[in-house]
Amino acid sequence: MVKVGKWIAKNKNTLVSGINSLKTASGQIKNGIKKLLDGSNKLSDGTQEYYDTVITKGLKPLTKSIDKLQDIADGDYSYDNFSGIADGMDGTVRFVITTESIKEDDSN
């Protein structure tokens, strides 16, 4: 124990300087952690906003529309009549579809 006490007495200025540096650095680390937390919260908010606007209101409806178009494209629409046609006759089928206009969803 005596040797440790002599070493401390001999190096007290170095120890005090090191402790002060540790105290300063600890404050800097605390401030850095706060900035990291604030940045993480901003990133989370921005990610949620991106999801709400781009994904939910943009891509999901677009994906559903593309899926419907693909279903139509994959269907067999090569028929030429609804109820039968006599041999030697030609026929065509036409569809007329009326829908309500498509309006943008204003439920923000």
PDB file of N, CA and C in Angstrom:
ATOM      1  N   MET A   1       0.802  -1.196   0.000  1.00  0.00           N
ATOM      2  CA  MET A   1       0.000   0.000   0.000  1.00  0.00           C
ATOM      3  C   MET A   1       0.847   1.264   0.000  1.00  0.00           C
ATOM      4  N   VAL A   2       1.963   1.201   0.629  1.00  0.00           N
ATOM      5  CA  VAL A   2       2.822   2.383   0.711  1.00  0.00           C
ATOM      6  C   VAL A   2       3.286   2.792  -0.672  1.00  0.00           C
ATOM      7  N   LYS A   3       3.612   1.814  -1.527  1.00  0.00           N
ATOM      8  CA  LYS A   3       4.074   2.123  -2.873  1.00  0.00           C
ATOM      9  C   LYS A   3       2.979   2.818  -3.672  1.00  0.00           C
ATOM     10  N   VAL A   4       1.721   2.368  -3.516  1.00  0.00           N
ATOM     11  CA  VAL A   4       0.608   2.990  -4.231  1.00  0.00           C
ATOM     12  C   VAL A   4       0.443   4.427  -3.753  1.00  0.00           C
ATOM     13  N   GLY A   5       0.504   4.651  -2.477  1.00  0.00           N
ATOM     14  CA  GLY A   5       0.369   6.005  -1.925  1.00  0.00           C
ATOM     15  C   GLY A   5       1.455   6.926  -2.438  1.00  0.00           C
ATOM     16  N   LYS A   6       2.697   6.437  -2.522  1.00  0.00           N
ATOM     17  CA  LYS A   6       3.800   7.255  -3.046  1.00  0.00           C
ATOM     18  C   LYS A   6       3.567   7.556  -4.533  1.00  0.00           C
ATOM     19  N   TRP A   7       3.087   6.527  -5.279  1.00  0.00           N
ATOM     20  CA  TRP A   7       2.852   6.733  -6.717  1.00  0.00           C
ATOM     21  C   TRP A   7       1.756   7.784  -6.939  1.00  0.00           C
ATOM     22  N   ILE A   8       0.696   7.711  -6.118  1.00  0.00           N
ATOM     23  CA  ILE A   8      -0.390   8.689  -6.238  1.00  0.00           C
ATOM     24  C   ILE A   8       0.130  10.084  -5.910  1.00  0.00           C
ATOM     25  N   ALA A   9       0.889  10.195  -4.825  1.00  0.00           N
ATOM     26  CA  ALA A   9       1.432  11.499  -4.442  1.00  0.00           C
ATOM     27  C   ALA A   9       2.335  12.047  -5.534  1.00  0.00           C
ATOM     28  N   LYS A  10       3.134  11.195  -6.142  1.00  0.00           N
ATOM     29  CA  LYS A  10       4.071  11.625  -7.182  1.00  0.00           C
ATOM     30  C   LYS A  10       3.336  12.016  -8.463  1.00  0.00           C
ATOM     31  N   ASN A  11       2.193  11.355  -8.783  1.00  0.00           N
ATOM     32  CA  ASN A  11       1.487  11.568 -10.050  1.00  0.00           C
ATOM     33  C   ASN A  11       0.133  12.239  -9.875  1.00  0.00           C
ATOM     34  N   LYS A  12      -0.070  12.952  -8.751  1.00  0.00           N
ATOM     35  CA  LYS A  12      -1.388  13.530  -8.487  1.00  0.00           C
ATOM     36  C   LYS A  12      -1.804  14.525  -9.577  1.00  0.00           C
ATOM     37  N   ASN A  13      -0.877  15.295 -10.106  1.00  0.00           N
ATOM     38  CA  ASN A  13      -1.234  16.271 -11.153  1.00  0.00           C
ATOM     39  C   ASN A  13      -1.729  15.551 -12.425  1.00  0.00           C
ATOM     40  N   THR A  14      -1.077  14.454 -12.760  1.00  0.00           N
ATOM     41  CA  THR A  14      -1.500  13.676 -13.922  1.00  0.00           C
ATOM     42  C   THR A  14      -2.875  13.064 -13.671  1.00  0.00           C
ATOM     43  N   LEU A  15      -3.098  12.552 -12.461  1.00  0.00           N
ATOM     44  CA  LEU A  15      -4.399  11.978 -12.111  1.00  0.00           C
ATOM     45  C   LEU A  15      -5.504  13.029 -12.165  1.00  0.00           C
ATOM     46  N   VAL A  16      -5.268  14.194 -11.615  1.00  0.00           N
ATOM     47  CA  VAL A  16      -6.266  15.271 -11.625  1.00  0.00           C
ATOM     48  C   VAL A  16      -6.564  15.684 -13.059  1.00  0.00           C
ATOM     49  N   SER A  17      -5.536  15.815 -13.872  1.00  0.00           N
ATOM     50  CA  SER A  17      -5.726  16.176 -15.276  1.00  0.00           C
ATOM     51  C   SER A  17      -6.551  15.111 -16.007  1.00  0.00           C
ATOM     52  N   GLY A  18      -6.249  13.848 -15.757  1.00  0.00           N
ATOM     53  CA  GLY A  18      -6.994  12.751 -16.376  1.00  0.00           C
ATOM     54  C   GLY A  18      -8.445  12.727 -15.936  1.00  0.00           C
ATOM     55  N   ILE A  19      -8.677  12.977 -14.652  1.00  0.00           N
ATOM     56  CA  ILE A  19     -10.055  13.005 -14.142  1.00  0.00           C
ATOM     57  C   ILE A  19     -10.832  14.165 -14.779  1.00  0.00           C
ATOM     58  N   ASN A  20     -10.190  15.320 -14.917  1.00  0.00           N
ATOM     59  CA  ASN A  20     -10.844  16.470 -15.554  1.00  0.00           C
ATOM     60  C   ASN A  20     -11.151  16.184 -17.033  1.00  0.00           C
ATOM     61  N   SER A  21     -10.232  15.530 -17.705  1.00  0.00           N
ATOM     62  CA  SER A  21     -10.471  15.155 -19.106  1.00  0.00           C
ATOM     63  C   SER A  21     -11.641  14.179 -19.211  1.00  0.00           C
ATOM     64  N   LEU A  22     -11.689  13.231 -18.284  1.00  0.00           N
ATOM     65  CA  LEU A  22     -12.787  12.265 -18.259  1.00  0.00           C
ATOM     66  C   LEU A  22     -14.121  12.974 -18.014  1.00  0.00           C
ATOM     67  N   LYS A  23     -14.124  13.949 -17.116  1.00  0.00           N
ATOM     68  CA  LYS A  23     -15.343  14.709 -16.823  1.00  0.00           C
ATOM     69  C   LYS A  23     -15.810  15.464 -18.072  1.00  0.00           C
ATOM     70  N   THR A  24     -14.895  16.110 -18.765  1.00  0.00           N
ATOM     71  CA  THR A  24     -15.237  16.856 -19.987  1.00  0.00           C
ATOM     72  C   THR A  24     -15.749  15.903 -21.070  1.00  0.00           C
ATOM     73  N   ALA A  25     -15.042  14.809 -21.254  1.00  0.00           N
ATOM     74  CA  ALA A  25     -15.429  13.847 -22.279  1.00  0.00           C
ATOM     75  C   ALA A  25     -16.787  13.222 -21.960  1.00  0.00           C
ATOM     76  N   SER A  26     -17.063  12.988 -20.702  1.00  0.00           N
ATOM     77  CA  SER A  26     -18.359  12.428 -20.308  1.00  0.00           C
ATOM     78  C   SER A  26     -19.492  13.369 -20.698  1.00  0.00           C
ATOM     79  N   GLY A  27     -19.287  14.664 -20.512  1.00  0.00           N
ATOM     80  CA  GLY A  27     -20.293  15.646 -20.931  1.00  0.00           C
ATOM     81  C   GLY A  27     -20.478  15.641 -22.447  1.00  0.00           C
ATOM     82  N   GLN A  28     -19.363  15.503 -23.170  1.00  0.00           N
ATOM     83  CA  GLN A  28     -19.449  15.448 -24.635  1.00  0.00           C
ATOM     84  C   GLN A  28     -20.190  14.189 -25.092  1.00  0.00           C
ATOM     85  N   ILE A  29     -19.923  13.086 -24.425  1.00  0.00           N
ATOM     86  CA  ILE A  29     -20.624  11.843 -24.755  1.00  0.00           C
ATOM     87  C   ILE A  29     -22.116  11.999 -24.481  1.00  0.00           C
ATOM     88  N   LYS A  30     -22.450  12.607 -23.345  1.00  0.00           N
ATOM     89  CA  LYS A  30     -23.862  12.828 -23.012  1.00  0.00           C
ATOM     90  C   LYS A  30     -24.534  13.678 -24.094  1.00  0.00           C
ATOM     91  N   ASN A  31     -23.884  14.758 -24.530  1.00  0.00           N
ATOM     92  CA  ASN A  31     -24.438  15.614 -25.577  1.00  0.00           C
ATOM     93  C   ASN A  31     -24.559  14.852 -26.901  1.00  0.00           C
ATOM     94  N   GLY A  32     -23.554  14.036 -27.212  1.00  0.00           N
ATOM     95  CA  GLY A  32     -23.598  13.241 -28.433  1.00  0.00           C
ATOM     96  C   GLY A  32     -24.740  12.240 -28.423  1.00  0.00           C
ATOM     97  N   ILE A  33     -24.989  11.621 -27.285  1.00  0.00           N
ATOM     98  CA  ILE A  33     -26.089  10.668 -27.163  1.00  0.00           C
ATOM     99  C   ILE A  33     -27.424  11.383 -27.347  1.00  0.00           C
ATOM    100  N   LYS A  34     -27.547  12.595 -26.787  1.00  0.00           N
ATOM    101  CA  LYS A  34     -28.786  13.371 -26.959  1.00  0.00           C
ATOM    102  C   LYS A  34     -29.002  13.710 -28.431  1.00  0.00           C
ATOM    103  N   LYS A  35     -27.934  14.122 -29.127  1.00  0.00           N
ATOM    104  CA  LYS A  35     -28.053  14.419 -30.556  1.00  0.00           C
ATOM    105  C   LYS A  35     -28.424  13.169 -31.345  1.00  0.00           C
ATOM    106  N   LEU A  36     -27.841  12.046 -30.984  1.00  0.00           N
ATOM    107  CA  LEU A  36     -28.160  10.783 -31.641  1.00  0.00           C
ATOM    108  C   LEU A  36     -29.630  10.419 -31.430  1.00  0.00           C
ATOM    109  N   LEU A  37     -30.122  10.592 -30.216  1.00  0.00           N
ATOM    110  CA  LEU A  37     -31.525  10.311 -29.914  1.00  0.00           C
ATOM    111  C   LEU A  37     -32.438  11.234 -30.712  1.00  0.00           C
ATOM    112  N   ASP A  38     -32.111  12.535 -30.742  1.00  0.00           N
ATOM    113  CA  ASP A  38     -32.919  13.491 -31.514  1.00  0.00           C
ATOM    114  C   ASP A  38     -32.920  13.125 -32.999  1.00  0.00           C
ATOM    115  N   GLY A  39     -31.766  12.775 -33.533  1.00  0.00           N
ATOM    116  CA  GLY A  39     -31.679  12.370 -34.940  1.00  0.00           C
ATOM    117  C   GLY A  39     -32.449  11.098 -35.219  1.00  0.00           C
ATOM    118  N   SER A  40     -32.384  10.158 -34.304  1.00  0.00           N
ATOM    119  CA  SER A  40     -33.135   8.903 -34.466  1.00  0.00           C
ATOM    120  C   SER A  40     -34.638   9.169 -34.478  1.00  0.00           C
ATOM    121  N   ASN A  41     -35.086  10.068 -33.610  1.00  0.00           N
ATOM    122  CA  ASN A  41     -36.514  10.414 -33.581  1.00  0.00           C
ATOM    123  C   ASN A  41     -36.938  11.097 -34.885  1.00  0.00           C
ATOM    124  N   LYS A  42     -36.099  11.990 -35.418  1.00  0.00           N
ATOM    125  CA  LYS A  42     -36.403  12.644 -36.691  1.00  0.00           C
ATOM    126  C   LYS A  42     -36.454  11.618 -37.820  1.00  0.00           C
ATOM    127  N   LEU A  43     -35.525  10.687 -37.819  1.00  0.00           N
ATOM    128  CA  LEU A  43     -35.511   9.633 -38.827  1.00  0.00           C
ATOM    129  C   LEU A  43     -36.777   8.790 -38.734  1.00  0.00           C
ATOM    130  N   SER A  44     -37.176   8.438 -37.530  1.00  0.00           N
ATOM    131  CA  SER A  44     -38.389   7.651 -37.329  1.00  0.00           C
ATOM    132  C   SER A  44     -39.615   8.408 -37.824  1.00  0.00           C
ATOM    133  N   ASP A  45     -39.713   9.688 -37.476  1.00  0.00           N
ATOM    134  CA  ASP A  45     -40.843  10.506 -37.927  1.00  0.00           C
ATOM    135  C   ASP A  45     -40.858  10.621 -39.448  1.00  0.00           C
ATOM    136  N   GLY A  46     -39.701  10.845 -40.035  1.00  0.00           N
ATOM    137  CA  GLY A  46     -39.607  10.966 -41.485  1.00  0.00           C
ATOM    138  C   GLY A  46     -39.949   9.668 -42.193  1.00  0.00           C
ATOM    139  N   THR A  47     -39.521   8.553 -41.620  1.00  0.00           N
ATOM    140  CA  THR A  47     -39.838   7.256 -42.195  1.00  0.00           C
ATOM    141  C   THR A  47     -41.340   7.001 -42.137  1.00  0.00           C
ATOM    142  N   GLN A  48     -41.959   7.354 -41.022  1.00  0.00           N
ATOM    143  CA  GLN A  48     -43.412   7.175 -40.895  1.00  0.00           C
ATOM    144  C   GLN A  48     -44.152   8.063 -41.888  1.00  0.00           C
ATOM    145  N   GLU A  49     -43.701   9.310 -42.044  1.00  0.00           N
ATOM    146  CA  GLU A  49     -44.323  10.228 -43.001  1.00  0.00           C
ATOM    147  C   GLU A  49     -44.170   9.691 -44.433  1.00  0.00           C
ATOM    148  N   TYR A  50     -42.998   9.182 -44.766  1.00  0.00           N
ATOM    149  CA  TYR A  50     -42.754   8.588 -46.083  1.00  0.00           C
ATOM    150  C   TYR A  50     -43.714   7.418 -46.313  1.00  0.00           C
ATOM    151  N   TYR A  51     -43.845   6.555 -45.318  1.00  0.00           N
ATOM    152  CA  TYR A  51     -44.736   5.408 -45.441  1.00  0.00           C
ATOM    153  C   TYR A  51     -46.179   5.870 -45.639  1.00  0.00           C
ATOM    154  N   ASP A  52     -46.593   6.845 -44.815  1.00  0.00           N
ATOM    155  CA  ASP A  52     -47.976   7.317 -44.887  1.00  0.00           C
ATOM    156  C   ASP A  52     -48.298   7.967 -46.228  1.00  0.00           C
ATOM    157  N   THR A  53     -47.359   8.710 -46.792  1.00  0.00           N
ATOM    158  CA  THR A  53     -47.654   9.433 -48.029  1.00  0.00           C
ATOM    159  C   THR A  53     -47.302   8.637 -49.274  1.00  0.00           C
ATOM    160  N   VAL A  54     -46.098   8.155 -49.354  1.00  0.00           N
ATOM    161  CA  VAL A  54     -45.650   7.496 -50.589  1.00  0.00           C
ATOM    162  C   VAL A  54     -46.173   6.074 -50.680  1.00  0.00           C
ATOM    163  N   ILE A  55     -46.004   5.304 -49.646  1.00  0.00           N
ATOM    164  CA  ILE A  55     -46.365   3.892 -49.697  1.00  0.00           C
ATOM    165  C   ILE A  55     -47.889   3.718 -49.634  1.00  0.00           C
ATOM    166  N   THR A  56     -48.507   4.252 -48.591  1.00  0.00           N
ATOM    167  CA  THR A  56     -49.925   4.026 -48.375  1.00  0.00           C
ATOM    168  C   THR A  56     -50.791   4.699 -49.435  1.00  0.00           C
ATOM    169  N   LYS A  57     -50.494   5.951 -49.770  1.00  0.00           N
ATOM    170  CA  LYS A  57     -51.352   6.690 -50.696  1.00  0.00           C
ATOM    171  C   LYS A  57     -50.880   6.602 -52.139  1.00  0.00           C
ATOM    172  N   GLY A  58     -49.659   6.142 -52.356  1.00  0.00           N
ATOM    173  CA  GLY A  58     -49.132   6.104 -53.711  1.00  0.00           C
ATOM    174  C   GLY A  58     -48.926   4.716 -54.250  1.00  0.00           C
ATOM    175  N   LEU A  59     -48.035   3.985 -53.633  1.00  0.00           N
ATOM    176  CA  LEU A  59     -47.645   2.689 -54.191  1.00  0.00           C
ATOM    177  C   LEU A  59     -48.677   1.584 -53.996  1.00  0.00           C
ATOM    178  N   LYS A  60     -49.309   1.523 -52.832  1.00  0.00           N
ATOM    179  CA  LYS A  60     -50.278   0.441 -52.609  1.00  0.00           C
ATOM    180  C   LYS A  60     -51.436   0.512 -53.597  1.00  0.00           C
ATOM    181  N   PRO A  61     -52.091   1.685 -53.783  1.00  0.00           N
ATOM    182  CA  PRO A  61     -53.156   1.738 -54.787  1.00  0.00           C
ATOM    183  C   PRO A  61     -52.641   1.440 -56.192  1.00  0.00           C
ATOM    184  N   LEU A  62     -51.452   1.922 -56.508  1.00  0.00           N
ATOM    185  CA  LEU A  62     -50.876   1.664 -57.819  1.00  0.00           C
ATOM    186  C   LEU A  62     -50.631   0.172 -58.010  1.00  0.00           C
ATOM    187  N   THR A  63     -50.130  -0.489 -56.988  1.00  0.00           N
ATOM    188  CA  THR A  63     -49.888  -1.924 -57.042  1.00  0.00           C
ATOM    189  C   THR A  63     -51.193  -2.683 -57.259  1.00  0.00           C
ATOM    190  N   LYS A  64     -52.255  -2.265 -56.568  1.00  0.00           N
ATOM    191  CA  LYS A  64     -53.555  -2.916 -56.753  1.00  0.00           C
ATOM    192  C   LYS A  64     -54.033  -2.744 -58.192  1.00  0.00           C
ATOM    193  N   SER A  65     -53.858  -1.560 -58.748  1.00  0.00           N
ATOM    194  CA  SER A  65     -54.267  -1.310 -60.130  1.00  0.00           C
ATOM    195  C   SER A  65     -53.458  -2.165 -61.096  1.00  0.00           C
ATOM    196  N   ILE A  66     -52.170  -2.266 -60.862  1.00  0.00           N
ATOM    197  CA  ILE A  66     -51.312  -3.089 -61.723  1.00  0.00           C
ATOM    198  C   ILE A  66     -51.735  -4.554 -61.635  1.00  0.00           C
ATOM    199  N   ASP A  67     -52.049  -5.017 -60.422  1.00  0.00           N
ATOM    200  CA  ASP A  67     -52.502  -6.396 -60.250  1.00  0.00           C
ATOM    201  C   ASP A  67     -53.803  -6.642 -61.028  1.00  0.00           C
ATOM    202  N   LYS A  68     -54.720  -5.683 -60.989  1.00  0.00           N
ATOM    203  CA  LYS A  68     -55.976  -5.833 -61.732  1.00  0.00           C
ATOM    204  C   LYS A  68     -55.707  -5.878 -63.234  1.00  0.00           C
ATOM    205  N   LEU A  69     -54.846  -5.002 -63.718  1.00  0.00           N
ATOM    206  CA  LEU A  69     -54.506  -5.009 -65.137  1.00  0.00           C
ATOM    207  C   LEU A  69     -53.848  -6.328 -65.543  1.00  0.00           C
ATOM    208  N   GLN A  70     -52.995  -6.851 -64.679  1.00  0.00           N
ATOM    209  CA  GLN A  70     -52.341  -8.129 -64.966  1.00  0.00           C
ATOM    210  C   GLN A  70     -53.364  -9.251 -65.023  1.00  0.00           C
ATOM    211  N   ASP A  71     -54.346  -9.219 -64.107  1.00  0.00           N
ATOM    212  CA  ASP A  71     -55.404 -10.231 -64.129  1.00  0.00           C
ATOM    213  C   ASP A  71     -56.175 -10.177 -65.446  1.00  0.00           C
ATOM    214  N   ILE A  72     -56.463  -8.959 -65.901  1.00  0.00           N
ATOM    215  CA  ILE A  72     -57.171  -8.798 -67.171  1.00  0.00           C
ATOM    216  C   ILE A  72     -56.312  -9.322 -68.316  1.00  0.00           C
ATOM    217  N   ALA A  73     -55.034  -8.958 -68.315  1.00  0.00           N
ATOM    218  CA  ALA A  73     -54.129  -9.379 -69.389  1.00  0.00           C
ATOM    219  C   ALA A  73     -53.955 -10.892 -69.415  1.00  0.00           C
ATOM    220  N   ASP A  74     -54.008 -11.530 -68.251  1.00  0.00           N
ATOM    221  CA  ASP A  74     -53.826 -12.983 -68.172  1.00  0.00           C
ATOM    222  C   ASP A  74     -55.090 -13.752 -68.543  1.00  0.00           C
ATOM    223  N   GLY A  75     -56.223 -13.077 -68.635  1.00  0.00           N
ATOM    224  CA  GLY A  75     -57.497 -13.751 -68.920  1.00  0.00           C
ATOM    225  C   GLY A  75     -57.589 -14.208 -70.370  1.00  0.00           C
ATOM    226  N   ASP A  76     -58.508 -15.119 -70.598  1.00  0.00           N
ATOM    227  CA  ASP A  76     -58.739 -15.622 -71.953  1.00  0.00           C
ATOM    228  C   ASP A  76     -59.902 -14.844 -72.565  1.00  0.00           C
ATOM    229  N   TYR A  77     -59.589 -13.889 -73.430  1.00  0.00           N
ATOM    230  CA  TYR A  77     -60.608 -13.044 -74.042  1.00  0.00           C
ATOM    231  C   TYR A  77     -60.636 -13.271 -75.550  1.00  0.00           C
ATOM    232  N   SER A  78     -60.484 -14.516 -75.955  1.00  0.00           N
ATOM    233  CA  SER A  78     -60.430 -14.812 -77.372  1.00  0.00           C
ATOM    234  C   SER A  78     -61.784 -15.238 -77.935  1.00  0.00           C
ATOM    235  N   TYR A  79     -62.863 -15.163 -77.159  1.00  0.00           N
ATOM    236  CA  TYR A  79     -64.175 -15.597 -77.642  1.00  0.00           C
ATOM    237  C   TYR A  79     -64.782 -14.554 -78.572  1.00  0.00           C
ATOM    238  N   ASP A  80     -65.730 -14.998 -79.378  1.00  0.00           N
ATOM    239  CA  ASP A  80     -66.329 -14.096 -80.354  1.00  0.00           C
ATOM    240  C   ASP A  80     -67.848 -14.033 -80.229  1.00  0.00           C
ATOM    241  N   ASN A  81     -68.396 -14.609 -79.146  1.00  0.00           N
ATOM    242  CA  ASN A  81     -69.843 -14.525 -78.930  1.00  0.00           C
ATOM    243  C   ASN A  81     -70.165 -14.895 -77.494  1.00  0.00           C
ATOM    244  N   PHE A  82     -71.406 -14.588 -77.092  1.00  0.00           N
ATOM    245  CA  PHE A  82     -71.851 -14.927 -75.743  1.00  0.00           C
ATOM    246  C   PHE A  82     -72.643 -16.229 -75.718  1.00  0.00           C
ATOM    247  N   SER A  83     -73.513 -16.421 -76.692  1.00  0.00           N
ATOM    248  CA  SER A  83     -74.486 -17.501 -76.584  1.00  0.00           C
ATOM    249  C   SER A  83     -74.380 -18.560 -77.673  1.00  0.00           C
ATOM    250  N   GLY A  84     -73.372 -18.464 -78.482  1.00  0.00           N
ATOM    251  CA  GLY A  84     -73.220 -19.446 -79.542  1.00  0.00           C
ATOM    252  C   GLY A  84     -73.376 -18.790 -80.908  1.00  0.00           C
ATOM    253  N   ILE A  85     -72.744 -19.377 -81.883  1.00  0.00           N
ATOM    254  CA  ILE A  85     -72.775 -18.823 -83.231  1.00  0.00           C
ATOM    255  C   ILE A  85     -72.842 -19.998 -84.210  1.00  0.00           C
ATOM    256  N   ALA A  86     -73.604 -19.820 -85.245  1.00  0.00           N
ATOM    257  CA  ALA A  86     -73.783 -20.898 -86.223  1.00  0.00           C
ATOM    258  C   ALA A  86     -72.523 -21.062 -87.059  1.00  0.00           C
ATOM    259  N   ASP A  87     -72.304 -22.251 -87.561  1.00  0.00           N
ATOM    260  CA  ASP A  87     -71.151 -22.514 -88.424  1.00  0.00           C
ATOM    261  C   ASP A  87     -71.174 -21.564 -89.616  1.00  0.00           C
ATOM    262  N   GLY A  88     -70.028 -21.068 -89.990  1.00  0.00           N
ATOM    263  CA  GLY A  88     -69.911 -20.186 -91.137  1.00  0.00           C
ATOM    264  C   GLY A  88     -70.222 -18.737 -90.829  1.00  0.00           C
ATOM    265  N   MET A  89     -70.569 -18.409 -89.604  1.00  0.00           N
ATOM    266  CA  MET A  89     -70.866 -17.015 -89.242  1.00  0.00           C
ATOM    267  C   MET A  89     -69.698 -16.448 -88.442  1.00  0.00           C
ATOM    268  N   ASP A  90     -69.496 -15.153 -88.588  1.00  0.00           N
ATOM    269  CA  ASP A  90     -68.488 -14.442 -87.790  1.00  0.00           C
ATOM    270  C   ASP A  90     -69.208 -13.670 -86.699  1.00  0.00           C
ATOM    271  N   GLY A  91     -68.524 -13.456 -85.617  1.00  0.00           N
ATOM    272  CA  GLY A  91     -69.118 -12.672 -84.528  1.00  0.00           C
ATOM    273  C   GLY A  91     -68.070 -11.847 -83.818  1.00  0.00           C
ATOM    274  N   THR A  92     -68.521 -10.844 -83.127  1.00  0.00           N
ATOM    275  CA  THR A  92     -67.629 -10.013 -82.306  1.00  0.00           C
ATOM    276  C   THR A  92     -68.315  -9.741 -80.978  1.00  0.00           C
ATOM    277  N   VAL A  93     -67.531  -9.423 -80.001  1.00  0.00           N
ATOM    278  CA  VAL A  93     -68.052  -9.077 -78.680  1.00  0.00           C
ATOM    279  C   VAL A  93     -67.464  -7.732 -78.291  1.00  0.00           C
ATOM    280  N   ARG A  94     -68.321  -6.838 -77.844  1.00  0.00           N
ATOM    281  CA  ARG A  94     -67.872  -5.526 -77.370  1.00  0.00           C
ATOM    282  C   ARG A  94     -68.463  -5.291 -75.996  1.00  0.00           C
ATOM    283  N   PHE A  95     -67.705  -4.631 -75.167  1.00  0.00           N
ATOM    284  CA  PHE A  95     -68.159  -4.320 -73.818  1.00  0.00           C
ATOM    285  C   PHE A  95     -68.275  -2.818 -73.668  1.00  0.00           C
ATOM    286  N   VAL A  96     -69.323  -2.372 -73.015  1.00  0.00           N
ATOM    287  CA  VAL A  96     -69.477  -0.972 -72.647  1.00  0.00           C
ATOM    288  C   VAL A  96     -69.633  -0.959 -71.137  1.00  0.00           C
ATOM    289  N   ILE A  97     -68.724  -0.318 -70.488  1.00  0.00           N
ATOM    290  CA  ILE A  97     -68.727  -0.291 -69.028  1.00  0.00           C
ATOM    291  C   ILE A  97     -68.817   1.159 -68.579  1.00  0.00           C
ATOM    292  N   THR A  98     -69.750   1.442 -67.698  1.00  0.00           N
ATOM    293  CA  THR A  98     -69.906   2.786 -67.147  1.00  0.00           C
ATOM    294  C   THR A  98     -69.604   2.719 -65.659  1.00  0.00           C
ATOM    295  N   THR A  99     -68.744   3.611 -65.214  1.00  0.00           N
ATOM    296  CA  THR A  99     -68.392   3.662 -63.794  1.00  0.00           C
ATOM    297  C   THR A  99     -68.474   5.101 -63.321  1.00  0.00           C
ATOM    298  N   GLU A 100     -68.470   5.267 -62.017  1.00  0.00           N
ATOM    299  CA  GLU A 100     -68.388   6.610 -61.459  1.00  0.00           C
ATOM    300  C   GLU A 100     -66.975   7.113 -61.669  1.00  0.00           C
ATOM    301  N   SER A 101     -66.830   8.433 -61.668  1.00  0.00           N
ATOM    302  CA  SER A 101     -65.494   8.991 -61.853  1.00  0.00           C
ATOM    303  C   SER A 101     -64.622   8.650 -60.653  1.00  0.00           C
ATOM    304  N   ILE A 102     -63.351   8.546 -60.902  1.00  0.00           N
ATOM    305  CA  ILE A 102     -62.388   8.255 -59.839  1.00  0.00           C
ATOM    306  C   ILE A 102     -61.964   9.575 -59.233  1.00  0.00           C
ATOM    307  N   LYS A 103     -62.115   9.692 -57.920  1.00  0.00           N
ATOM    308  CA  LYS A 103     -61.772  10.927 -57.224  1.00  0.00           C
ATOM    309  C   LYS A 103     -60.667  10.647 -56.227  1.00  0.00           C
ATOM    310  N   GLU A 104     -59.840  11.653 -56.006  1.00  0.00           N
ATOM    311  CA  GLU A 104     -58.745  11.508 -55.047  1.00  0.00           C
ATOM    312  C   GLU A 104     -59.327  11.455 -53.639  1.00  0.00           C
ATOM    313  N   ASP A 105     -58.781  10.590 -52.818  1.00  0.00           N
ATOM    314  CA  ASP A 105     -59.213  10.450 -51.447  1.00  0.00           C
ATOM    315  C   ASP A 105     -58.718  11.636 -50.636  1.00  0.00           C
ATOM    316  N   ASP A 106     -59.632  12.415 -50.071  1.00  0.00           N
ATOM    317  CA  ASP A 106     -59.263  13.603 -49.289  1.00  0.00           C
ATOM    318  C   ASP A 106     -59.351  13.335 -47.793  1.00  0.00           C
ATOM    319  N   SER A 107     -59.205  12.106 -47.375  1.00  0.00           N
ATOM    320  CA  SER A 107     -59.349  11.768 -45.954  1.00  0.00           C
ATOM    321  C   SER A 107     -58.045  11.910 -45.195  1.00  0.00           C
ATOM    322  N   ASN A 108     -57.230  12.905 -45.534  1.00  0.00           N
ATOM    323  CA  ASN A 108     -55.952  13.107 -44.836  1.00  0.00           C
ATOM    324  C   ASN A 108     -56.245  13.424 -43.443  1.00  0.00           C
TER     325      ASN A 108
END
